[in-house]
Amino acid sequence: MVTVKIYIEGGSAQDKSIYSLFREAWSKFFESAGLKGRMPKAIPSFGRHDTYRDFCLAFNNARPNERILLLIDSEKPLVKNESIWKQLSKESMPPPEGAGEEHIFLMIQVMETWFLADIDALNLYFRPDFKATKIPKWNDLESVPKESVFKALEDATASCPKKQYAKGKISFELLKAVSTKKVTEKCPSAARLIEHLKQIS
């Protein structure tokens, strides 16, 4: 049986307690995608380059029955017709020997992009003062710059005194709340990840 381990950007060097929420959130996200009983193991790391380094170490030392994957923010749109690894190599993140496109997955352009795929979940989480009208009706979420994504979330939650959007605890509570179905329908990067996990787990 194959053991799938995904090294995912999003840990916190300052708050180690965030790790349990990180794992719980990703488990809920994967379970709701239909992976119950064959769940991948989500392993937290810090920033993109830290996560990449942890992935490379694990990939180079993987056992025969382990599949090691990397999931990080793209931070920008992808270049059409260019491999993901080629684009990451320009940021000093080349693929370790033996790694292919089937080992690298991106949240395009940031994890928060996935949240915008489920406005109903955002409304329920931040109610009663959440302003959904502050979030533009973008047709292609993955083309939206990360700065615009964060601004939309900040503007929509500006009137929420106890739950204004911020990375960390709220991020993972939202990941637990959003519909995986809606996310995969509106974010091809999420659909690619889930489809791959269904094929190998």
N, C-alpha and C. Protein backbone atom coordinates (compact mmCIF):
# COMPACT_ATOMS: atom_id res chain seq x y z
N MET A 1 0.84 -1.20 0.00
CA MET A 1 0.00 0.00 0.00
C MET A 1 0.87 1.25 0.00
N VAL A 2 0.53 2.21 -0.83
CA VAL A 2 1.32 3.44 -0.94
C VAL A 2 0.96 4.42 0.17
N THR A 3 1.96 4.97 0.81
CA THR A 3 1.78 6.03 1.80
C THR A 3 2.09 7.36 1.14
N VAL A 4 1.11 8.26 1.14
CA VAL A 4 1.29 9.56 0.50
C VAL A 4 1.57 10.62 1.56
N LYS A 5 2.67 11.33 1.39
CA LYS A 5 3.02 12.43 2.29
C LYS A 5 3.11 13.71 1.47
N ILE A 6 2.38 14.73 1.91
CA ILE A 6 2.39 16.01 1.21
C ILE A 6 3.02 17.07 2.10
N TYR A 7 4.11 17.65 1.64
CA TYR A 7 4.75 18.74 2.37
C TYR A 7 4.08 20.04 1.92
N ILE A 8 3.45 20.72 2.88
CA ILE A 8 2.59 21.85 2.56
C ILE A 8 3.06 23.12 3.27
N GLU A 9 3.14 24.17 2.51
CA GLU A 9 3.48 25.49 3.07
C GLU A 9 2.37 25.96 4.01
N GLY A 10 2.76 26.58 5.12
CA GLY A 10 1.73 27.14 5.98
C GLY A 10 1.91 26.98 7.47
N GLY A 11 3.06 26.44 7.91
CA GLY A 11 3.30 26.32 9.34
C GLY A 11 3.70 27.66 9.94
N SER A 12 4.00 27.66 11.22
CA SER A 12 4.37 28.90 11.89
C SER A 12 5.54 28.65 12.83
N ALA A 13 6.62 29.39 12.62
CA ALA A 13 7.79 29.26 13.49
C ALA A 13 7.50 29.85 14.87
N GLN A 14 6.56 30.80 14.94
CA GLN A 14 6.24 31.47 16.19
C GLN A 14 5.21 30.71 17.03
N ASP A 15 4.29 30.03 16.36
CA ASP A 15 3.19 29.38 17.08
C ASP A 15 3.11 27.91 16.67
N LYS A 16 3.76 27.05 17.44
CA LYS A 16 3.77 25.63 17.12
C LYS A 16 2.39 24.99 17.32
N SER A 17 1.52 25.63 18.10
CA SER A 17 0.19 25.07 18.33
C SER A 17 -0.64 25.07 17.05
N ILE A 18 -0.21 25.85 16.05
CA ILE A 18 -0.95 25.93 14.80
C ILE A 18 -0.87 24.61 14.04
N TYR A 19 0.14 23.78 14.37
CA TYR A 19 0.33 22.53 13.63
C TYR A 19 -0.87 21.58 13.75
N SER A 20 -1.43 21.47 14.94
CA SER A 20 -2.57 20.56 15.10
C SER A 20 -3.76 21.04 14.29
N LEU A 21 -3.97 22.35 14.25
CA LEU A 21 -5.06 22.91 13.46
C LEU A 21 -4.78 22.74 11.97
N PHE A 22 -3.52 22.90 11.58
CA PHE A 22 -3.08 22.67 10.20
C PHE A 22 -3.47 21.26 9.75
N ARG A 23 -3.08 20.27 10.55
CA ARG A 23 -3.35 18.88 10.17
C ARG A 23 -4.84 18.58 10.16
N GLU A 24 -5.55 19.11 11.14
CA GLU A 24 -7.00 18.90 11.21
C GLU A 24 -7.70 19.49 9.99
N ALA A 25 -7.28 20.69 9.60
CA ALA A 25 -7.91 21.36 8.47
C ALA A 25 -7.68 20.62 7.17
N TRP A 26 -6.44 20.23 6.93
CA TRP A 26 -6.15 19.51 5.68
C TRP A 26 -6.81 18.15 5.67
N SER A 27 -6.89 17.49 6.81
CA SER A 27 -7.58 16.20 6.88
C SER A 27 -9.05 16.36 6.50
N LYS A 28 -9.68 17.41 7.03
CA LYS A 28 -11.08 17.66 6.70
C LYS A 28 -11.25 17.97 5.22
N PHE A 29 -10.34 18.75 4.66
CA PHE A 29 -10.40 19.11 3.25
C PHE A 29 -10.27 17.86 2.37
N PHE A 30 -9.31 17.00 2.70
CA PHE A 30 -9.11 15.79 1.90
C PHE A 30 -10.24 14.79 2.10
N GLU A 31 -10.73 14.69 3.33
CA GLU A 31 -11.83 13.76 3.60
C GLU A 31 -13.08 14.16 2.82
N SER A 32 -13.37 15.45 2.80
CA SER A 32 -14.56 15.92 2.09
C SER A 32 -14.42 15.79 0.58
N ALA A 33 -13.19 15.56 0.11
CA ALA A 33 -12.95 15.34 -1.31
C ALA A 33 -13.14 13.87 -1.70
N GLY A 34 -13.49 13.03 -0.72
CA GLY A 34 -13.73 11.63 -1.00
C GLY A 34 -12.55 10.72 -0.75
N LEU A 35 -11.59 11.20 0.05
CA LEU A 35 -10.37 10.41 0.28
C LEU A 35 -10.37 9.68 1.62
N LYS A 36 -11.50 9.64 2.29
CA LYS A 36 -11.57 8.96 3.58
C LYS A 36 -11.19 7.49 3.42
N GLY A 37 -10.33 7.03 4.32
CA GLY A 37 -9.86 5.65 4.24
C GLY A 37 -8.58 5.50 3.46
N ARG A 38 -8.18 6.53 2.76
CA ARG A 38 -6.93 6.52 1.98
C ARG A 38 -6.30 7.90 2.03
N MET A 39 -6.31 8.47 3.23
CA MET A 39 -5.91 9.86 3.42
C MET A 39 -4.40 10.06 3.28
N PRO A 40 -4.01 11.13 2.59
CA PRO A 40 -2.59 11.49 2.57
C PRO A 40 -2.22 12.13 3.90
N LYS A 41 -0.95 12.10 4.22
CA LYS A 41 -0.47 12.74 5.44
C LYS A 41 0.02 14.14 5.10
N ALA A 42 -0.62 15.15 5.68
CA ALA A 42 -0.22 16.54 5.46
C ALA A 42 0.86 16.92 6.45
N ILE A 43 2.01 17.35 5.94
CA ILE A 43 3.15 17.69 6.79
C ILE A 43 3.44 19.19 6.66
N PRO A 44 3.32 19.94 7.76
CA PRO A 44 3.50 21.39 7.70
C PRO A 44 4.95 21.82 7.65
N SER A 45 5.17 22.92 6.96
CA SER A 45 6.47 23.58 6.97
C SER A 45 6.22 25.08 7.01
N PHE A 46 7.26 25.89 6.88
CA PHE A 46 7.10 27.33 7.01
C PHE A 46 6.86 27.95 5.63
N GLY A 47 7.76 28.78 5.16
CA GLY A 47 7.59 29.43 3.87
C GLY A 47 7.82 28.48 2.71
N ARG A 48 7.74 29.02 1.50
CA ARG A 48 7.84 28.21 0.29
C ARG A 48 9.19 27.49 0.20
N HIS A 49 10.27 28.22 0.43
CA HIS A 49 11.59 27.60 0.29
C HIS A 49 11.87 26.60 1.40
N ASP A 50 11.36 26.86 2.60
CA ASP A 50 11.51 25.89 3.69
C ASP A 50 10.77 24.61 3.34
N THR A 51 9.57 24.76 2.81
CA THR A 51 8.76 23.60 2.45
C THR A 51 9.42 22.82 1.32
N TYR A 52 9.95 23.54 0.37
CA TYR A 52 10.67 22.90 -0.74
C TYR A 52 11.85 22.09 -0.22
N ARG A 53 12.63 22.67 0.67
CA ARG A 53 13.80 21.95 1.21
C ARG A 53 13.38 20.70 1.97
N ASP A 54 12.30 20.80 2.76
CA ASP A 54 11.81 19.64 3.50
C ASP A 54 11.33 18.55 2.54
N PHE A 55 10.67 18.98 1.48
CA PHE A 55 10.22 18.03 0.46
C PHE A 55 11.41 17.32 -0.18
N CYS A 56 12.42 18.07 -0.57
CA CYS A 56 13.59 17.48 -1.23
C CYS A 56 14.26 16.44 -0.34
N LEU A 57 14.40 16.76 0.94
CA LEU A 57 15.03 15.83 1.87
C LEU A 57 14.21 14.55 1.97
N ALA A 58 12.87 14.72 2.10
CA ALA A 58 12.01 13.54 2.21
C ALA A 58 11.99 12.75 0.91
N PHE A 59 11.98 13.45 -0.22
CA PHE A 59 11.94 12.78 -1.53
C PHE A 59 13.21 11.95 -1.74
N ASN A 60 14.32 12.51 -1.38
CA ASN A 60 15.60 11.81 -1.58
C ASN A 60 15.77 10.62 -0.65
N ASN A 61 14.99 10.59 0.44
CA ASN A 61 15.11 9.51 1.42
C ASN A 61 13.83 8.67 1.51
N ALA A 62 12.97 8.78 0.50
CA ALA A 62 11.68 8.08 0.53
C ALA A 62 11.87 6.57 0.45
N ARG A 63 11.00 5.86 1.15
CA ARG A 63 10.97 4.41 1.07
C ARG A 63 10.22 4.00 -0.19
N PRO A 64 10.39 2.75 -0.62
CA PRO A 64 9.74 2.31 -1.86
C PRO A 64 8.22 2.47 -1.86
N ASN A 65 7.59 2.38 -0.68
CA ASN A 65 6.13 2.46 -0.63
C ASN A 65 5.63 3.87 -0.30
N GLU A 66 6.52 4.86 -0.35
CA GLU A 66 6.13 6.24 -0.04
C GLU A 66 6.07 7.08 -1.31
N ARG A 67 5.05 7.91 -1.41
CA ARG A 67 4.94 8.91 -2.48
C ARG A 67 5.05 10.28 -1.81
N ILE A 68 6.04 11.04 -2.15
CA ILE A 68 6.30 12.33 -1.53
C ILE A 68 5.89 13.45 -2.49
N LEU A 69 5.03 14.34 -2.04
CA LEU A 69 4.52 15.43 -2.86
C LEU A 69 4.81 16.78 -2.21
N LEU A 70 4.78 17.82 -3.02
CA LEU A 70 5.00 19.19 -2.55
C LEU A 70 3.82 20.06 -2.94
N LEU A 71 3.31 20.86 -1.98
CA LEU A 71 2.20 21.77 -2.24
C LEU A 71 2.53 23.14 -1.65
N ILE A 72 2.72 24.12 -2.53
CA ILE A 72 3.04 25.48 -2.09
C ILE A 72 2.24 26.49 -2.90
N ASP A 73 2.22 27.74 -2.44
CA ASP A 73 1.59 28.81 -3.21
C ASP A 73 2.43 29.09 -4.46
N SER A 74 1.76 29.43 -5.55
CA SER A 74 2.52 29.83 -6.74
C SER A 74 3.01 31.26 -6.61
N GLU A 75 2.26 32.08 -5.85
CA GLU A 75 2.57 33.50 -5.62
C GLU A 75 2.36 34.37 -6.86
N LYS A 76 2.16 33.75 -8.01
CA LYS A 76 1.98 34.49 -9.26
C LYS A 76 1.34 33.55 -10.28
N PRO A 77 0.86 34.08 -11.40
CA PRO A 77 0.27 33.20 -12.41
C PRO A 77 1.34 32.33 -13.06
N LEU A 78 0.93 31.18 -13.55
CA LEU A 78 1.87 30.30 -14.23
C LEU A 78 2.10 30.76 -15.66
N VAL A 79 3.27 30.44 -16.17
CA VAL A 79 3.60 30.73 -17.56
C VAL A 79 3.00 29.61 -18.42
N LYS A 80 2.19 29.98 -19.39
CA LYS A 80 1.52 28.99 -20.22
C LYS A 80 2.53 28.13 -20.98
N ASN A 81 2.24 26.83 -21.02
CA ASN A 81 3.06 25.86 -21.76
C ASN A 81 4.48 25.71 -21.21
N GLU A 82 4.66 26.05 -19.96
CA GLU A 82 5.96 25.84 -19.31
C GLU A 82 5.75 25.00 -18.07
N SER A 83 6.59 24.02 -17.85
CA SER A 83 6.39 23.11 -16.72
C SER A 83 6.50 23.86 -15.39
N ILE A 84 5.84 23.30 -14.40
CA ILE A 84 5.89 23.92 -13.06
C ILE A 84 7.31 23.92 -12.53
N TRP A 85 8.00 22.80 -12.68
CA TRP A 85 9.37 22.72 -12.17
C TRP A 85 10.28 23.72 -12.86
N LYS A 86 10.07 23.95 -14.14
CA LYS A 86 10.91 24.92 -14.84
C LYS A 86 10.70 26.32 -14.26
N GLN A 87 9.45 26.63 -13.92
CA GLN A 87 9.17 27.94 -13.34
C GLN A 87 9.72 28.06 -11.94
N LEU A 88 9.63 27.00 -11.15
CA LEU A 88 10.17 27.04 -9.80
C LEU A 88 11.70 27.08 -9.81
N SER A 89 12.29 26.48 -10.84
CA SER A 89 13.75 26.50 -10.94
C SER A 89 14.28 27.92 -11.04
N LYS A 90 13.48 28.80 -11.63
CA LYS A 90 13.88 30.21 -11.74
C LYS A 90 13.90 30.89 -10.38
N GLU A 91 13.27 30.25 -9.39
CA GLU A 91 13.25 30.78 -8.02
C GLU A 91 14.15 29.95 -7.11
N SER A 92 15.13 29.31 -7.71
CA SER A 92 16.08 28.47 -6.96
C SER A 92 15.42 27.28 -6.29
N MET A 93 14.41 26.72 -6.96
CA MET A 93 13.75 25.52 -6.47
C MET A 93 13.66 24.49 -7.60
N PRO A 94 14.81 23.94 -8.02
CA PRO A 94 14.79 22.93 -9.08
C PRO A 94 14.27 21.60 -8.54
N PRO A 95 13.80 20.73 -9.42
CA PRO A 95 13.31 19.43 -8.94
C PRO A 95 14.46 18.56 -8.46
N PRO A 96 14.26 17.83 -7.36
CA PRO A 96 15.29 16.86 -6.98
C PRO A 96 15.34 15.76 -8.04
N GLU A 97 16.45 15.07 -8.12
CA GLU A 97 16.61 14.03 -9.14
C GLU A 97 15.50 12.99 -9.04
N GLY A 98 14.82 12.76 -10.15
CA GLY A 98 13.75 11.78 -10.16
C GLY A 98 12.36 12.36 -9.98
N ALA A 99 12.27 13.63 -9.62
CA ALA A 99 10.96 14.25 -9.41
C ALA A 99 10.38 14.75 -10.73
N GLY A 100 9.11 14.50 -10.94
CA GLY A 100 8.43 14.97 -12.14
C GLY A 100 7.28 15.90 -11.79
N GLU A 101 6.50 16.25 -12.78
CA GLU A 101 5.37 17.14 -12.56
C GLU A 101 4.34 16.52 -11.63
N GLU A 102 4.35 15.19 -11.54
CA GLU A 102 3.39 14.50 -10.68
C GLU A 102 3.74 14.61 -9.20
N HIS A 103 4.84 15.28 -8.89
CA HIS A 103 5.24 15.45 -7.49
C HIS A 103 5.04 16.88 -6.99
N ILE A 104 4.75 17.80 -7.88
CA ILE A 104 4.64 19.21 -7.50
C ILE A 104 3.23 19.73 -7.78
N PHE A 105 2.65 20.37 -6.76
CA PHE A 105 1.30 20.93 -6.87
C PHE A 105 1.31 22.34 -6.28
N LEU A 106 0.47 23.19 -6.85
CA LEU A 106 0.45 24.59 -6.43
C LEU A 106 -0.94 25.04 -6.03
N MET A 107 -0.97 25.99 -5.10
CA MET A 107 -2.19 26.73 -4.80
C MET A 107 -2.03 28.04 -5.57
N ILE A 108 -2.84 28.22 -6.60
CA ILE A 108 -2.67 29.35 -7.51
C ILE A 108 -3.75 30.40 -7.25
N GLN A 109 -3.35 31.62 -6.83
CA GLN A 109 -1.95 31.98 -6.62
C GLN A 109 -1.54 31.82 -5.15
N VAL A 110 -2.53 31.77 -4.27
CA VAL A 110 -2.29 31.53 -2.85
C VAL A 110 -3.43 30.67 -2.29
N MET A 111 -3.24 30.11 -1.11
CA MET A 111 -4.30 29.29 -0.51
C MET A 111 -5.60 30.07 -0.37
N GLU A 112 -5.47 31.36 -0.08
CA GLU A 112 -6.67 32.20 0.10
C GLU A 112 -7.51 32.27 -1.16
N THR A 113 -6.90 32.05 -2.32
CA THR A 113 -7.67 32.00 -3.57
C THR A 113 -8.73 30.92 -3.47
N TRP A 114 -8.38 29.79 -2.87
CA TRP A 114 -9.33 28.69 -2.73
C TRP A 114 -10.53 29.10 -1.87
N PHE A 115 -10.31 29.95 -0.87
CA PHE A 115 -11.41 30.38 -0.01
C PHE A 115 -12.46 31.16 -0.80
N LEU A 116 -12.00 31.94 -1.77
CA LEU A 116 -12.93 32.77 -2.55
C LEU A 116 -13.83 31.94 -3.44
N ALA A 117 -13.54 30.66 -3.55
CA ALA A 117 -14.40 29.76 -4.34
C ALA A 117 -15.69 29.42 -3.60
N ASP A 118 -15.72 29.69 -2.30
CA ASP A 118 -16.91 29.36 -1.51
C ASP A 118 -17.32 30.55 -0.64
N ILE A 119 -17.99 31.51 -1.27
CA ILE A 119 -18.42 32.71 -0.56
C ILE A 119 -19.41 32.37 0.54
N ASP A 120 -20.23 31.34 0.34
CA ASP A 120 -21.21 30.95 1.36
C ASP A 120 -20.51 30.53 2.65
N ALA A 121 -19.42 29.80 2.52
CA ALA A 121 -18.68 29.37 3.71
C ALA A 121 -18.05 30.57 4.42
N LEU A 122 -17.55 31.52 3.65
CA LEU A 122 -16.99 32.73 4.25
C LEU A 122 -18.06 33.51 5.00
N ASN A 123 -19.22 33.60 4.40
CA ASN A 123 -20.33 34.33 5.02
C ASN A 123 -20.74 33.68 6.34
N LEU A 124 -20.82 32.36 6.36
CA LEU A 124 -21.19 31.66 7.58
C LEU A 124 -20.13 31.82 8.67
N TYR A 125 -18.88 31.79 8.27
CA TYR A 125 -17.80 31.89 9.25
C TYR A 125 -17.70 33.29 9.86
N PHE A 126 -17.80 34.32 9.02
CA PHE A 126 -17.58 35.69 9.49
C PHE A 126 -18.86 36.43 9.90
N ARG A 127 -20.02 35.82 9.71
CA ARG A 127 -21.28 36.52 9.98
C ARG A 127 -21.32 37.05 11.40
N PRO A 128 -22.12 38.11 11.67
CA PRO A 128 -23.13 38.69 10.78
C PRO A 128 -22.64 39.90 9.97
N ASP A 129 -21.38 40.28 10.13
CA ASP A 129 -20.92 41.53 9.52
C ASP A 129 -20.07 41.34 8.26
N PHE A 130 -20.05 40.14 7.72
CA PHE A 130 -19.28 39.88 6.52
C PHE A 130 -19.91 40.58 5.32
N LYS A 131 -19.09 41.26 4.51
CA LYS A 131 -19.59 42.01 3.35
C LYS A 131 -19.18 41.30 2.06
N ALA A 132 -20.03 40.38 1.62
CA ALA A 132 -19.73 39.61 0.41
C ALA A 132 -19.60 40.49 -0.82
N THR A 133 -20.26 41.62 -0.80
CA THR A 133 -20.22 42.53 -1.96
C THR A 133 -18.84 43.15 -2.16
N LYS A 134 -17.99 43.06 -1.16
CA LYS A 134 -16.63 43.60 -1.27
C LYS A 134 -15.71 42.66 -2.06
N ILE A 135 -16.19 41.46 -2.33
CA ILE A 135 -15.38 40.51 -3.10
C ILE A 135 -15.86 40.52 -4.55
N PRO A 136 -15.03 40.95 -5.47
CA PRO A 136 -15.43 41.01 -6.88
C PRO A 136 -15.83 39.63 -7.41
N LYS A 137 -16.69 39.61 -8.40
CA LYS A 137 -17.12 38.35 -9.01
C LYS A 137 -16.14 37.97 -10.12
N TRP A 138 -14.98 37.53 -9.72
CA TRP A 138 -13.96 37.13 -10.69
C TRP A 138 -14.35 35.83 -11.38
N ASN A 139 -14.23 35.79 -12.69
CA ASN A 139 -14.55 34.58 -13.45
C ASN A 139 -13.43 33.56 -13.38
N ASP A 140 -12.19 34.03 -13.30
CA ASP A 140 -11.03 33.14 -13.25
C ASP A 140 -10.24 33.47 -11.99
N LEU A 141 -10.52 32.74 -10.92
CA LEU A 141 -9.89 33.05 -9.63
C LEU A 141 -8.38 32.92 -9.68
N GLU A 142 -7.87 31.96 -10.43
CA GLU A 142 -6.43 31.73 -10.43
C GLU A 142 -5.66 32.81 -11.19
N SER A 143 -6.37 33.69 -11.88
CA SER A 143 -5.70 34.80 -12.57
C SER A 143 -5.62 36.05 -11.68
N VAL A 144 -6.25 35.99 -10.51
CA VAL A 144 -6.30 37.15 -9.62
C VAL A 144 -5.00 37.25 -8.82
N PRO A 145 -4.31 38.39 -8.88
CA PRO A 145 -3.07 38.56 -8.11
C PRO A 145 -3.30 38.37 -6.62
N LYS A 146 -2.29 37.85 -5.94
CA LYS A 146 -2.46 37.56 -4.52
C LYS A 146 -2.80 38.81 -3.72
N GLU A 147 -2.25 39.96 -4.14
CA GLU A 147 -2.55 41.21 -3.42
C GLU A 147 -4.05 41.52 -3.48
N SER A 148 -4.66 41.24 -4.63
CA SER A 148 -6.10 41.50 -4.79
C SER A 148 -6.92 40.52 -3.96
N VAL A 149 -6.45 39.29 -3.86
CA VAL A 149 -7.15 38.28 -3.05
C VAL A 149 -7.16 38.71 -1.59
N PHE A 150 -6.00 39.09 -1.07
CA PHE A 150 -5.92 39.51 0.33
C PHE A 150 -6.73 40.77 0.58
N LYS A 151 -6.69 41.71 -0.34
CA LYS A 151 -7.45 42.95 -0.16
C LYS A 151 -8.95 42.66 -0.12
N ALA A 152 -9.40 41.76 -0.97
CA ALA A 152 -10.82 41.41 -0.99
C ALA A 152 -11.24 40.80 0.35
N LEU A 153 -10.43 39.92 0.89
CA LEU A 153 -10.76 39.32 2.18
C LEU A 153 -10.70 40.35 3.31
N GLU A 154 -9.72 41.22 3.24
CA GLU A 154 -9.61 42.27 4.27
C GLU A 154 -10.81 43.22 4.22
N ASP A 155 -11.19 43.63 3.01
CA ASP A 155 -12.32 44.54 2.86
C ASP A 155 -13.63 43.89 3.30
N ALA A 156 -13.80 42.62 2.95
CA ALA A 156 -15.05 41.92 3.27
C ALA A 156 -15.20 41.66 4.76
N THR A 157 -14.07 41.59 5.49
CA THR A 157 -14.14 41.29 6.93
C THR A 157 -13.79 42.50 7.80
N ALA A 158 -13.66 43.66 7.18
CA ALA A 158 -13.26 44.86 7.93
C ALA A 158 -14.24 45.21 9.03
N SER A 159 -15.51 44.88 8.85
CA SER A 159 -16.54 45.21 9.84
C SER A 159 -16.78 44.08 10.83
N CYS A 160 -15.95 43.03 10.76
CA CYS A 160 -16.11 41.89 11.67
C CYS A 160 -15.14 42.07 12.84
N PRO A 161 -15.61 42.59 13.96
CA PRO A 161 -14.70 42.96 15.05
C PRO A 161 -13.88 41.82 15.64
N LYS A 162 -14.41 40.61 15.64
CA LYS A 162 -13.71 39.50 16.28
C LYS A 162 -13.01 38.56 15.30
N LYS A 163 -13.34 38.70 14.02
CA LYS A 163 -12.82 37.73 13.06
C LYS A 163 -12.36 38.38 11.75
N GLN A 164 -11.62 39.45 11.83
CA GLN A 164 -11.07 40.00 10.59
C GLN A 164 -10.06 39.00 10.03
N TYR A 165 -10.01 38.89 8.69
CA TYR A 165 -9.17 37.85 8.12
C TYR A 165 -7.70 38.09 8.44
N ALA A 166 -7.02 37.01 8.79
CA ALA A 166 -5.58 37.02 9.02
C ALA A 166 -5.06 35.61 8.83
N LYS A 167 -3.82 35.51 8.36
CA LYS A 167 -3.22 34.18 8.21
C LYS A 167 -3.04 33.54 9.58
N GLY A 168 -3.00 32.22 9.59
CA GLY A 168 -2.82 31.51 10.84
C GLY A 168 -4.05 30.72 11.19
N LYS A 169 -4.54 30.88 12.41
CA LYS A 169 -5.68 30.12 12.89
C LYS A 169 -6.90 30.26 11.98
N ILE A 170 -7.22 31.48 11.60
CA ILE A 170 -8.40 31.70 10.76
C ILE A 170 -8.25 31.01 9.40
N SER A 171 -7.05 31.03 8.85
CA SER A 171 -6.81 30.37 7.57
C SER A 171 -7.23 28.91 7.61
N PHE A 172 -6.82 28.21 8.66
CA PHE A 172 -7.09 26.78 8.73
C PHE A 172 -8.53 26.50 9.14
N GLU A 173 -9.12 27.38 9.91
CA GLU A 173 -10.55 27.22 10.21
C GLU A 173 -11.38 27.38 8.93
N LEU A 174 -10.94 28.27 8.06
CA LEU A 174 -11.64 28.44 6.78
C LEU A 174 -11.41 27.24 5.87
N LEU A 175 -10.20 26.69 5.88
CA LEU A 175 -9.93 25.52 5.06
C LEU A 175 -10.85 24.36 5.47
N LYS A 176 -11.13 24.24 6.75
CA LYS A 176 -12.06 23.23 7.23
C LYS A 176 -13.49 23.51 6.78
N ALA A 177 -13.81 24.80 6.61
CA ALA A 177 -15.20 25.19 6.35
C ALA A 177 -15.58 25.17 4.88
N VAL A 178 -14.63 25.44 3.99
CA VAL A 178 -14.99 25.57 2.58
C VAL A 178 -15.35 24.21 1.97
N SER A 179 -16.16 24.26 0.94
CA SER A 179 -16.56 23.07 0.21
C SER A 179 -15.45 22.66 -0.76
N THR A 180 -14.92 21.47 -0.60
CA THR A 180 -13.90 20.99 -1.52
C THR A 180 -14.45 20.93 -2.94
N LYS A 181 -15.73 20.58 -3.06
CA LYS A 181 -16.36 20.50 -4.38
C LYS A 181 -16.33 21.87 -5.07
N LYS A 182 -16.69 22.92 -4.34
CA LYS A 182 -16.68 24.26 -4.92
C LYS A 182 -15.26 24.70 -5.26
N VAL A 183 -14.32 24.36 -4.39
CA VAL A 183 -12.93 24.76 -4.63
C VAL A 183 -12.38 24.08 -5.88
N THR A 184 -12.63 22.80 -6.03
CA THR A 184 -12.11 22.09 -7.19
C THR A 184 -12.82 22.50 -8.48
N GLU A 185 -14.06 22.95 -8.37
CA GLU A 185 -14.79 23.41 -9.55
C GLU A 185 -14.25 24.73 -10.07
N LYS A 186 -13.78 25.59 -9.15
CA LYS A 186 -13.36 26.94 -9.54
C LYS A 186 -11.85 27.12 -9.58
N CYS A 187 -11.12 26.19 -9.01
CA CYS A 187 -9.66 26.31 -8.97
C CYS A 187 -9.04 25.04 -9.56
N PRO A 188 -8.64 25.07 -10.82
CA PRO A 188 -8.04 23.89 -11.45
C PRO A 188 -6.86 23.31 -10.70
N SER A 189 -6.10 24.15 -10.02
CA SER A 189 -4.96 23.64 -9.26
C SER A 189 -5.40 22.70 -8.15
N ALA A 190 -6.50 23.01 -7.51
CA ALA A 190 -7.04 22.15 -6.46
C ALA A 190 -7.58 20.86 -7.07
N ALA A 191 -8.26 20.98 -8.20
CA ALA A 191 -8.81 19.80 -8.88
C ALA A 191 -7.69 18.84 -9.30
N ARG A 192 -6.58 19.41 -9.78
CA ARG A 192 -5.44 18.59 -10.20
C ARG A 192 -4.87 17.81 -9.02
N LEU A 193 -4.75 18.45 -7.88
CA LEU A 193 -4.24 17.78 -6.68
C LEU A 193 -5.15 16.65 -6.25
N ILE A 194 -6.44 16.94 -6.11
CA ILE A 194 -7.38 15.93 -5.65
C ILE A 194 -7.47 14.74 -6.61
N GLU A 195 -7.49 15.02 -7.89
CA GLU A 195 -7.56 13.95 -8.88
C GLU A 195 -6.33 13.05 -8.79
N HIS A 196 -5.17 13.67 -8.60
CA HIS A 196 -3.94 12.87 -8.49
C HIS A 196 -3.98 12.00 -7.24
N LEU A 197 -4.45 12.55 -6.14
CA LEU A 197 -4.51 11.78 -4.89
C LEU A 197 -5.48 10.60 -5.02
N LYS A 198 -6.55 10.79 -5.74
CA LYS A 198 -7.50 9.70 -5.94
C LYS A 198 -6.89 8.57 -6.78
N GLN A 199 -6.00 8.95 -7.66
CA GLN A 199 -5.39 7.96 -8.54
C GLN A 199 -4.32 7.12 -7.85
N ILE A 200 -3.65 7.72 -6.86
CA ILE A 200 -2.53 6.99 -6.26
C ILE A 200 -2.82 6.44 -4.87
N SER A 201 -3.92 6.88 -4.26
CA SER A 201 -4.17 6.41 -2.88
C SER A 201 -5.18 5.30 -2.83
